[in-house]
N, C-alpha and C. Protein backbone atom coordinates (compact mmCIF):
# COMPACT_ATOMS: atom_id res chain seq x y z
N MET A 1 -84.24 -68.37 -30.41
CA MET A 1 -83.63 -69.40 -29.77
C MET A 1 -82.43 -68.46 -28.89
N ALA A 2 -82.10 -68.55 -27.63
CA ALA A 2 -81.33 -68.30 -26.54
C ALA A 2 -80.06 -68.50 -26.76
N GLN A 3 -78.85 -67.57 -26.70
CA GLN A 3 -77.69 -67.76 -26.64
C GLN A 3 -77.17 -68.23 -25.21
N ALA A 4 -75.97 -69.40 -25.49
CA ALA A 4 -75.34 -69.83 -24.42
C ALA A 4 -74.62 -68.56 -23.49
N GLY A 5 -75.12 -68.40 -22.22
CA GLY A 5 -74.52 -67.48 -21.24
C GLY A 5 -75.67 -66.18 -21.02
N GLN A 6 -76.72 -66.17 -21.79
CA GLN A 6 -77.63 -65.36 -21.74
C GLN A 6 -78.64 -65.45 -20.60
N GLN A 7 -78.86 -64.52 -19.54
CA GLN A 7 -79.59 -64.76 -18.19
C GLN A 7 -80.69 -64.27 -18.80
N THR A 8 -81.90 -65.12 -18.04
CA THR A 8 -83.33 -64.36 -18.18
C THR A 8 -82.96 -64.04 -16.42
N ARG A 9 -84.10 -63.15 -16.25
CA ARG A 9 -84.58 -62.80 -14.95
C ARG A 9 -85.31 -63.69 -14.21
N ALA A 10 -84.62 -64.09 -13.08
CA ALA A 10 -85.40 -65.13 -12.61
C ALA A 10 -85.77 -64.63 -11.03
N GLU A 11 -86.77 -65.28 -10.17
CA GLU A 11 -86.58 -65.32 -8.97
C GLU A 11 -85.35 -65.93 -8.06
N PRO A 12 -85.04 -64.98 -6.89
CA PRO A 12 -84.04 -65.62 -6.38
C PRO A 12 -84.13 -66.99 -5.52
N ALA A 13 -83.23 -67.97 -5.62
CA ALA A 13 -83.16 -68.96 -4.91
C ALA A 13 -84.00 -68.93 -3.74
N THR A 14 -83.99 -68.27 -3.09
CA THR A 14 -84.82 -67.87 -1.86
C THR A 14 -86.29 -67.52 -1.88
N ALA A 15 -86.80 -67.18 -2.91
CA ALA A 15 -87.87 -66.83 -3.09
C ALA A 15 -89.20 -67.40 -2.37
N ASP A 16 -89.03 -68.30 -2.33
CA ASP A 16 -90.13 -69.34 -1.29
C ASP A 16 -89.98 -69.78 -0.16
N ARG A 17 -88.64 -68.97 0.40
CA ARG A 17 -88.72 -68.47 1.87
C ARG A 17 -88.73 -67.20 2.35
N GLU A 18 -88.96 -66.01 1.31
CA GLU A 18 -89.08 -64.80 1.87
C GLU A 18 -90.14 -64.37 2.11
N ILE A 19 -89.90 -63.25 3.26
CA ILE A 19 -91.18 -62.26 3.09
C ILE A 19 -90.10 -60.69 2.93
N VAL A 20 -91.04 -60.30 2.02
CA VAL A 20 -90.67 -58.68 1.74
C VAL A 20 -91.51 -57.73 1.88
N ILE A 21 -91.01 -56.35 3.22
CA ILE A 21 -92.06 -55.69 3.14
C ILE A 21 -91.37 -54.08 2.77
N SER A 22 -92.12 -53.54 2.71
CA SER A 22 -91.41 -52.48 2.58
C SER A 22 -92.48 -51.18 2.67
N ARG A 23 -92.14 -49.50 2.89
CA ARG A 23 -92.55 -48.55 3.22
C ARG A 23 -91.86 -47.27 3.27
N VAL A 24 -92.80 -46.63 2.54
CA VAL A 24 -91.98 -44.77 2.57
C VAL A 24 -92.36 -44.29 3.54
N ILE A 25 -91.34 -43.72 4.30
CA ILE A 25 -91.59 -42.81 5.89
C ILE A 25 -90.89 -41.50 5.67
N ASP A 26 -92.23 -40.68 5.89
CA ASP A 26 -91.79 -39.05 5.85
C ASP A 26 -91.08 -38.65 6.67
N ALA A 27 -89.61 -39.08 6.33
CA ALA A 27 -88.42 -38.54 7.36
C ALA A 27 -87.43 -38.75 6.94
N PRO A 28 -86.12 -38.03 7.02
CA PRO A 28 -84.93 -38.48 6.40
C PRO A 28 -84.22 -39.84 7.10
N ARG A 29 -83.62 -40.70 6.04
CA ARG A 29 -83.28 -41.45 6.31
C ARG A 29 -82.18 -41.67 7.77
N GLU A 30 -81.47 -40.71 7.67
CA GLU A 30 -80.73 -40.88 9.37
C GLU A 30 -81.63 -40.87 10.26
N LEU A 31 -82.79 -40.18 10.48
CA LEU A 31 -83.50 -40.22 11.56
C LEU A 31 -84.33 -41.39 11.95
N VAL A 32 -84.74 -42.17 10.20
CA VAL A 32 -85.28 -43.53 10.38
C VAL A 32 -84.15 -44.59 10.99
N PHE A 33 -83.01 -44.42 10.46
CA PHE A 33 -82.07 -45.43 10.96
C PHE A 33 -81.51 -45.44 12.21
N GLU A 34 -81.58 -44.00 13.05
CA GLU A 34 -81.51 -43.81 14.46
C GLU A 34 -82.67 -44.81 15.23
N ALA A 35 -83.74 -44.23 14.75
CA ALA A 35 -84.89 -44.73 15.49
C ALA A 35 -84.55 -46.45 15.42
N PHE A 36 -84.10 -46.73 14.65
CA PHE A 36 -83.80 -48.39 14.29
C PHE A 36 -82.98 -48.98 15.24
N THR A 37 -81.90 -47.97 15.36
CA THR A 37 -80.36 -48.38 15.86
C THR A 37 -80.35 -47.76 17.17
N GLU A 38 -81.19 -47.24 18.28
CA GLU A 38 -80.71 -46.72 19.30
C GLU A 38 -82.22 -47.10 19.85
N VAL A 39 -81.52 -47.95 21.21
CA VAL A 39 -82.63 -48.72 22.15
C VAL A 39 -83.51 -47.75 23.03
N ARG A 40 -83.04 -46.51 23.03
CA ARG A 40 -84.25 -45.48 23.50
C ARG A 40 -85.30 -45.07 22.68
N HIS A 41 -84.84 -45.52 21.51
CA HIS A 41 -86.15 -45.52 20.28
C HIS A 41 -86.82 -46.70 20.15
N LEU A 42 -86.04 -47.53 19.68
CA LEU A 42 -86.63 -49.39 19.04
C LEU A 42 -87.62 -49.50 20.16
N SER A 43 -86.99 -49.66 21.69
CA SER A 43 -88.19 -50.37 22.37
C SER A 43 -89.40 -49.45 22.28
N ARG A 44 -89.51 -48.47 21.94
CA ARG A 44 -90.86 -47.62 21.96
C ARG A 44 -91.82 -47.90 20.98
N TRP A 45 -91.57 -48.45 20.04
CA TRP A 45 -91.98 -48.73 18.44
C TRP A 45 -92.18 -50.32 17.89
N TRP A 46 -91.04 -50.97 18.63
CA TRP A 46 -91.10 -52.24 17.93
C TRP A 46 -92.46 -53.03 17.89
N GLY A 47 -92.44 -54.02 17.20
CA GLY A 47 -93.57 -55.13 17.19
C GLY A 47 -94.76 -54.21 16.33
N PRO A 48 -95.70 -55.44 16.38
CA PRO A 48 -97.21 -55.22 15.64
C PRO A 48 -98.09 -54.36 16.46
N GLU A 49 -98.87 -53.65 16.14
CA GLU A 49 -100.31 -53.14 16.92
C GLU A 49 -100.33 -53.99 18.05
N GLY A 50 -100.53 -53.48 19.30
CA GLY A 50 -100.71 -53.90 20.78
C GLY A 50 -99.81 -54.23 21.36
N PHE A 51 -98.33 -54.71 20.77
CA PHE A 51 -97.48 -55.37 21.36
C PHE A 51 -96.65 -54.33 22.24
N THR A 52 -96.18 -54.75 23.21
CA THR A 52 -94.84 -53.40 23.74
C THR A 52 -93.73 -54.69 23.75
N THR A 53 -92.42 -53.88 24.25
CA THR A 53 -91.05 -54.63 24.16
C THR A 53 -90.36 -54.31 25.49
N THR A 54 -89.88 -54.91 26.00
CA THR A 54 -88.85 -55.04 27.43
C THR A 54 -87.56 -55.62 26.80
N THR A 55 -86.73 -54.58 26.76
CA THR A 55 -85.19 -55.10 26.58
C THR A 55 -84.52 -55.34 27.79
N ARG A 56 -84.14 -56.44 27.46
CA ARG A 56 -83.19 -57.05 28.51
C ARG A 56 -81.60 -56.52 28.34
N SER A 57 -81.33 -56.32 27.42
CA SER A 57 -79.53 -56.06 26.77
C SER A 57 -79.75 -55.88 25.18
N PHE A 58 -78.88 -54.46 25.17
CA PHE A 58 -78.99 -54.05 23.98
C PHE A 58 -77.46 -53.57 23.57
N GLU A 59 -76.61 -54.08 22.25
CA GLU A 59 -75.40 -53.91 21.94
C GLU A 59 -75.61 -53.71 20.31
N PHE A 60 -75.50 -52.38 20.21
CA PHE A 60 -75.63 -52.43 17.99
C PHE A 60 -74.24 -52.27 17.90
N ARG A 61 -73.63 -53.05 17.54
CA ARG A 61 -72.45 -53.18 16.50
C ARG A 61 -72.47 -54.56 16.15
N VAL A 62 -72.03 -54.92 15.12
CA VAL A 62 -71.59 -56.49 14.39
C VAL A 62 -71.04 -56.98 15.58
N GLY A 63 -71.73 -58.38 15.81
CA GLY A 63 -71.71 -59.43 16.53
C GLY A 63 -72.05 -58.90 18.26
N GLY A 64 -73.06 -57.73 17.89
CA GLY A 64 -73.88 -57.69 19.45
C GLY A 64 -75.35 -57.99 19.27
N GLU A 65 -75.70 -57.76 20.38
CA GLU A 65 -77.07 -58.54 20.55
C GLU A 65 -78.02 -57.73 21.21
N TRP A 66 -79.42 -57.85 20.82
CA TRP A 66 -80.35 -57.50 21.58
C TRP A 66 -81.44 -58.70 21.67
N ASP A 67 -81.47 -58.67 23.55
CA ASP A 67 -82.29 -59.72 23.89
C ASP A 67 -83.69 -59.03 24.51
N PHE A 68 -84.39 -59.68 23.94
CA PHE A 68 -85.63 -58.50 24.49
C PHE A 68 -87.05 -59.79 24.30
N VAL A 69 -88.24 -59.08 25.23
CA VAL A 69 -89.22 -59.68 25.35
C VAL A 69 -90.37 -59.12 24.65
N MET A 70 -91.02 -59.66 24.10
CA MET A 70 -92.23 -58.93 23.24
C MET A 70 -93.32 -59.58 24.01
N HIS A 71 -94.23 -58.26 24.50
CA HIS A 71 -95.56 -58.93 25.29
C HIS A 71 -97.15 -58.50 24.41
N GLY A 72 -97.51 -59.86 24.36
CA GLY A 72 -98.61 -59.43 23.33
C GLY A 72 -99.81 -59.07 24.13
N PRO A 73 -100.62 -58.44 23.19
CA PRO A 73 -101.99 -58.03 23.54
C PRO A 73 -102.93 -59.00 24.38
N ASP A 74 -102.64 -59.99 23.90
CA ASP A 74 -103.38 -61.31 24.98
C ASP A 74 -102.71 -61.53 26.20
N GLY A 75 -101.53 -61.00 26.44
CA GLY A 75 -100.77 -61.05 27.98
C GLY A 75 -99.47 -62.27 27.50
N THR A 76 -99.41 -62.73 26.30
CA THR A 76 -98.29 -63.97 26.05
C THR A 76 -97.23 -62.97 25.99
N ASP A 77 -95.69 -63.78 26.63
CA ASP A 77 -94.70 -62.96 26.38
C ASP A 77 -93.98 -63.81 25.35
N TYR A 78 -93.35 -63.22 24.69
CA TYR A 78 -92.27 -63.85 23.45
C TYR A 78 -91.03 -63.51 23.71
N GLN A 79 -90.05 -64.37 23.76
CA GLN A 79 -88.50 -64.39 24.07
C GLN A 79 -87.96 -63.83 22.89
N GLU A 80 -87.53 -62.81 22.71
CA GLU A 80 -86.58 -62.58 21.45
C GLU A 80 -85.29 -62.18 21.40
N TRP A 81 -84.58 -62.54 20.16
CA TRP A 81 -83.17 -62.39 20.13
C TRP A 81 -82.29 -62.20 18.72
N ILE A 82 -81.87 -60.92 18.74
CA ILE A 82 -81.52 -60.43 17.48
C ILE A 82 -80.00 -60.39 17.64
N SER A 83 -79.20 -60.73 16.54
CA SER A 83 -77.77 -60.57 16.66
C SER A 83 -77.35 -59.56 15.13
N TRP A 84 -76.87 -58.98 15.44
CA TRP A 84 -76.42 -57.78 14.22
C TRP A 84 -75.31 -58.30 13.31
N THR A 85 -75.54 -58.59 12.32
CA THR A 85 -74.35 -59.13 11.52
C THR A 85 -73.88 -58.11 10.49
N GLU A 86 -74.25 -57.22 10.28
CA GLU A 86 -73.70 -56.24 9.40
C GLU A 86 -74.41 -54.62 9.68
N ILE A 87 -73.71 -53.66 9.72
CA ILE A 87 -74.18 -52.34 9.88
C ILE A 87 -73.58 -51.33 8.99
N THR A 88 -74.29 -50.86 8.00
CA THR A 88 -73.72 -49.85 7.09
C THR A 88 -74.68 -48.52 7.48
N PRO A 89 -73.91 -47.90 8.51
CA PRO A 89 -75.29 -46.70 8.44
C PRO A 89 -74.87 -45.50 7.22
N PRO A 90 -75.89 -44.92 6.92
CA PRO A 90 -77.33 -45.06 6.95
C PRO A 90 -78.24 -45.73 6.54
N GLU A 91 -77.30 -46.76 5.95
CA GLU A 91 -78.00 -47.36 4.74
C GLU A 91 -78.54 -48.82 4.76
N ARG A 92 -77.86 -49.62 5.59
CA ARG A 92 -78.33 -51.12 5.56
C ARG A 92 -77.95 -51.76 7.21
N ILE A 93 -78.79 -52.60 7.38
CA ILE A 93 -78.32 -53.38 8.45
C ILE A 93 -79.10 -55.19 8.27
N ALA A 94 -77.91 -55.98 8.59
CA ALA A 94 -78.64 -57.45 8.26
C ALA A 94 -78.49 -57.80 9.87
N LEU A 95 -79.40 -58.66 10.02
CA LEU A 95 -79.53 -59.57 11.53
C LEU A 95 -79.81 -60.83 11.31
N ARG A 96 -79.57 -61.17 12.30
CA ARG A 96 -80.46 -62.79 12.52
C ARG A 96 -81.21 -62.69 14.16
N HIS A 97 -82.41 -63.43 13.86
CA HIS A 97 -83.68 -62.96 14.66
C HIS A 97 -84.04 -64.56 14.93
N GLY A 98 -84.20 -65.09 16.32
CA GLY A 98 -84.74 -66.05 16.95
C GLY A 98 -85.15 -65.61 18.20
N GLU A 99 -85.71 -66.82 18.89
CA GLU A 99 -86.26 -66.78 20.26
C GLU A 99 -84.81 -66.74 21.26
N SER A 100 -83.91 -67.21 20.83
CA SER A 100 -82.44 -67.31 21.78
C SER A 100 -81.43 -67.48 20.83
N ARG A 101 -79.89 -67.01 21.67
CA ARG A 101 -78.76 -67.72 20.66
C ARG A 101 -78.48 -69.07 20.30
N GLY A 102 -78.39 -69.49 19.23
CA GLY A 102 -78.48 -70.69 18.92
C GLY A 102 -79.79 -71.18 18.15
N ASP A 103 -80.69 -70.65 18.09
CA ASP A 103 -81.80 -71.10 17.87
C ASP A 103 -81.95 -71.99 16.24
N PRO A 104 -82.14 -72.88 16.17
CA PRO A 104 -81.99 -73.34 14.40
C PRO A 104 -83.09 -73.15 13.63
N ASN A 105 -84.05 -72.66 14.06
CA ASN A 105 -85.33 -71.83 13.20
C ASN A 105 -85.11 -70.24 13.08
N ALA A 106 -83.97 -69.80 13.58
CA ALA A 106 -83.55 -68.09 13.60
C ALA A 106 -83.52 -67.73 12.08
N PHE A 107 -83.97 -66.46 11.33
CA PHE A 107 -83.98 -66.25 10.16
C PHE A 107 -82.96 -65.11 9.93
N GLU A 108 -82.76 -64.83 8.97
CA GLU A 108 -81.97 -63.54 8.52
C GLU A 108 -82.80 -62.64 7.81
N SER A 109 -82.41 -61.26 8.17
CA SER A 109 -83.46 -59.97 7.71
C SER A 109 -82.29 -59.15 7.28
N VAL A 110 -82.89 -58.53 5.97
CA VAL A 110 -81.82 -57.37 5.61
C VAL A 110 -82.79 -56.08 5.59
N LEU A 111 -82.43 -54.97 6.30
CA LEU A 111 -83.07 -53.78 6.09
C LEU A 111 -81.96 -52.94 5.65
N THR A 112 -82.86 -52.21 4.65
CA THR A 112 -82.52 -51.10 3.67
C THR A 112 -83.06 -49.95 3.88
N PHE A 113 -82.45 -48.63 3.82
CA PHE A 113 -82.84 -47.22 4.10
C PHE A 113 -82.54 -46.32 2.76
N ALA A 114 -83.16 -46.17 1.88
CA ALA A 114 -83.19 -45.38 0.93
C ALA A 114 -83.67 -44.08 0.79
N PRO A 115 -82.98 -43.07 0.33
CA PRO A 115 -83.68 -41.81 0.22
C PRO A 115 -84.65 -42.06 -0.95
N ASP A 116 -85.68 -41.35 -0.75
CA ASP A 116 -87.09 -41.30 -1.44
C ASP A 116 -87.56 -39.74 -1.92
N GLY A 117 -86.94 -38.99 -2.03
CA GLY A 117 -86.76 -37.49 -2.04
C GLY A 117 -86.78 -37.11 -0.53
N ALA A 118 -87.42 -36.21 0.22
CA ALA A 118 -87.37 -36.10 1.56
C ALA A 118 -87.35 -37.36 2.34
N ALA A 119 -88.33 -38.39 1.95
CA ALA A 119 -88.35 -39.21 2.93
C ALA A 119 -87.83 -40.38 2.75
N THR A 120 -88.00 -41.55 3.39
CA THR A 120 -86.78 -42.80 3.01
C THR A 120 -87.78 -43.95 2.74
N ARG A 121 -87.60 -44.84 1.95
CA ARG A 121 -88.07 -46.21 1.76
C ARG A 121 -87.07 -47.02 2.54
N ILE A 122 -88.11 -47.82 3.15
CA ILE A 122 -87.37 -48.92 4.17
C ILE A 122 -87.68 -50.06 3.50
N GLU A 123 -87.01 -51.06 3.32
CA GLU A 123 -87.33 -52.57 3.02
C GLU A 123 -86.70 -53.15 3.74
N MET A 124 -87.63 -54.48 4.42
CA MET A 124 -87.36 -55.58 5.24
C MET A 124 -87.47 -56.65 4.48
N ARG A 125 -86.27 -57.58 4.08
CA ARG A 125 -86.32 -58.78 3.30
C ARG A 125 -85.85 -59.57 4.57
N THR A 126 -86.59 -60.85 4.89
CA THR A 126 -86.25 -61.59 5.24
C THR A 126 -86.36 -63.10 4.98
N VAL A 127 -85.34 -63.67 5.28
CA VAL A 127 -85.53 -65.26 4.79
C VAL A 127 -85.17 -66.15 5.57
N PHE A 128 -86.17 -67.40 5.49
CA PHE A 128 -86.23 -68.28 6.40
C PHE A 128 -85.50 -69.38 6.15
N PRO A 129 -85.20 -70.43 7.02
CA PRO A 129 -84.31 -71.69 6.85
C PRO A 129 -84.66 -72.30 5.93
N THR A 130 -86.62 -72.34 5.96
CA THR A 130 -87.12 -73.53 5.15
C THR A 130 -88.15 -73.09 4.52
N LYS A 131 -89.25 -73.29 3.63
CA LYS A 131 -90.28 -72.60 3.20
C LYS A 131 -91.19 -73.01 4.24
N GLU A 132 -90.99 -74.08 5.13
CA GLU A 132 -92.04 -74.67 5.67
C GLU A 132 -92.08 -73.50 7.00
N LEU A 133 -90.92 -72.89 7.26
CA LEU A 133 -91.11 -72.05 8.39
C LEU A 133 -91.31 -70.74 7.93
N ARG A 134 -91.08 -70.45 6.63
CA ARG A 134 -91.68 -69.30 6.59
C ARG A 134 -93.17 -69.19 6.28
N ASP A 135 -93.76 -70.45 5.76
CA ASP A 135 -95.25 -70.53 5.84
C ASP A 135 -95.88 -70.43 7.26
N GLU A 136 -95.14 -71.01 8.32
CA GLU A 136 -95.78 -71.30 9.53
C GLU A 136 -95.84 -69.69 10.18
N ALA A 137 -94.67 -69.16 9.60
CA ALA A 137 -94.37 -67.40 10.21
C ALA A 137 -95.74 -66.70 9.49
N VAL A 138 -96.09 -66.75 8.46
CA VAL A 138 -97.11 -66.11 7.69
C VAL A 138 -98.24 -66.62 8.42
N GLU A 139 -98.70 -67.89 8.07
CA GLU A 139 -100.17 -68.45 8.84
C GLU A 139 -100.50 -68.35 10.32
N LYS A 140 -99.51 -68.68 10.90
CA LYS A 140 -99.67 -68.99 12.22
C LYS A 140 -99.38 -67.57 13.10
N TYR A 141 -98.49 -66.82 12.51
CA TYR A 141 -97.63 -65.83 13.25
C TYR A 141 -97.94 -64.48 12.87
N HIS A 142 -98.87 -64.49 11.49
CA HIS A 142 -98.85 -62.96 10.67
C HIS A 142 -98.33 -62.65 10.61
N ALA A 143 -96.73 -62.86 9.96
CA ALA A 143 -95.83 -62.16 9.68
C ALA A 143 -95.85 -61.32 8.77
N ILE A 144 -96.68 -61.20 7.98
CA ILE A 144 -96.85 -59.84 6.77
C ILE A 144 -97.61 -58.74 7.65
N GLU A 145 -98.69 -59.04 7.99
CA GLU A 145 -99.12 -57.89 8.73
C GLU A 145 -98.74 -57.51 9.66
N GLY A 146 -98.08 -58.62 10.65
CA GLY A 146 -96.79 -57.93 11.61
C GLY A 146 -95.68 -57.22 11.29
N GLY A 147 -95.16 -57.48 10.12
CA GLY A 147 -94.04 -56.65 9.66
C GLY A 147 -94.57 -55.50 9.09
N GLN A 148 -95.90 -55.18 8.62
CA GLN A 148 -96.38 -53.99 8.37
C GLN A 148 -96.91 -53.06 8.99
N GLN A 149 -97.29 -53.71 9.99
CA GLN A 149 -98.06 -52.88 11.51
C GLN A 149 -96.40 -52.27 11.87
N THR A 150 -95.50 -53.27 12.12
CA THR A 150 -94.32 -52.86 12.53
C THR A 150 -93.44 -51.53 11.97
N LEU A 151 -93.66 -51.20 10.36
CA LEU A 151 -93.04 -50.49 10.19
C LEU A 151 -94.09 -49.24 10.10
N GLY A 152 -95.14 -49.28 10.13
CA GLY A 152 -96.24 -48.40 10.24
C GLY A 152 -96.14 -47.71 11.62
N ASN A 153 -95.71 -48.88 12.96
CA ASN A 153 -95.60 -48.14 14.22
C ASN A 153 -93.98 -47.11 13.72
N LEU A 154 -92.85 -47.65 13.34
CA LEU A 154 -91.82 -47.15 13.14
C LEU A 154 -92.26 -45.66 12.49
N ALA A 155 -92.95 -45.65 11.44
CA ALA A 155 -93.09 -44.22 10.93
C ALA A 155 -94.04 -43.55 11.47
N ALA A 156 -95.11 -44.22 12.30
CA ALA A 156 -95.72 -42.78 13.46
C ALA A 156 -94.49 -42.49 14.48
N TYR A 157 -93.96 -43.45 14.47
CA TYR A 157 -92.75 -42.76 15.89
C TYR A 157 -91.82 -41.46 15.30
N VAL A 158 -91.33 -42.28 14.04
CA VAL A 158 -90.49 -41.17 13.58
C VAL A 158 -91.12 -40.02 13.06
N THR A 159 -92.47 -40.03 12.82
CA THR A 159 -92.63 -38.58 12.38
C THR A 159 -93.33 -37.83 13.46
N GLU A 160 -93.57 -38.65 14.47
CA GLU A 160 -94.12 -37.76 15.82
C GLU A 160 -93.43 -37.43 16.59
N THR A 161 -91.98 -38.37 17.29
CA THR A 161 -91.58 -38.32 18.05
C THR A 161 -90.01 -38.00 17.86
N VAL A 162 -89.69 -38.50 17.00
CA VAL A 162 -88.23 -38.11 16.51
C VAL A 162 -87.80 -36.96 16.13
N ARG A 163 -88.98 -36.36 15.06
CA ARG A 163 -88.77 -35.19 14.38
C ARG A 163 -89.08 -33.81 15.42
N LYS A 164 -89.71 -34.34 16.37
CA LYS A 164 -89.93 -33.53 17.89
C LYS A 164 -88.77 -32.95 18.25
N GLU A 165 -88.22 -34.31 18.48
CA GLU A 165 -86.84 -34.09 19.08
C GLU A 165 -85.70 -33.02 18.39
N VAL A 166 -85.80 -33.21 16.94
CA VAL A 166 -84.64 -32.72 16.31
C VAL A 166 -85.22 -31.38 16.24
N GLU A 167 -86.55 -30.90 15.85
CA GLU A 167 -86.82 -29.68 15.71
C GLU A 167 -86.85 -28.55 17.06
N ASP A 168 -86.55 -29.55 18.29
CA ASP A 168 -86.68 -28.49 19.53
C ASP A 168 -85.53 -28.11 20.06
């Protein structure tokens, strides 16, 4: 019989609204964090395979915004907006992401950057306002595959491009 006050490990209340994606990247976390926080890097790898990104404005600070357009491989443009809500270099970034400021369907993401030996484990935890919006993102926009591809693009960029800059 369980005693009063004893807790069992349960899924978070947001589990049915979440997508969690992680990847180990063969680079120090300072480099991975930099590639995620400087527009000169970010615009070169952001998005799923076949997408490109055009930045309209970028200010990386709490309360700052990134206004950008993702160009799909089929020619479709996707207006995007991110506001940074927490920044703890080189460990954590929290953000709000939608189509534009005030988007009622915007979602919250927390990215953590943890050392994993000489590599970095990045985890992207995204919470949608509703289960239905999460399911739509997964089914219609392939958010899980897209997130995995985006972190794959980050890994390739960091290991190939950023590391060369540091070595030169």
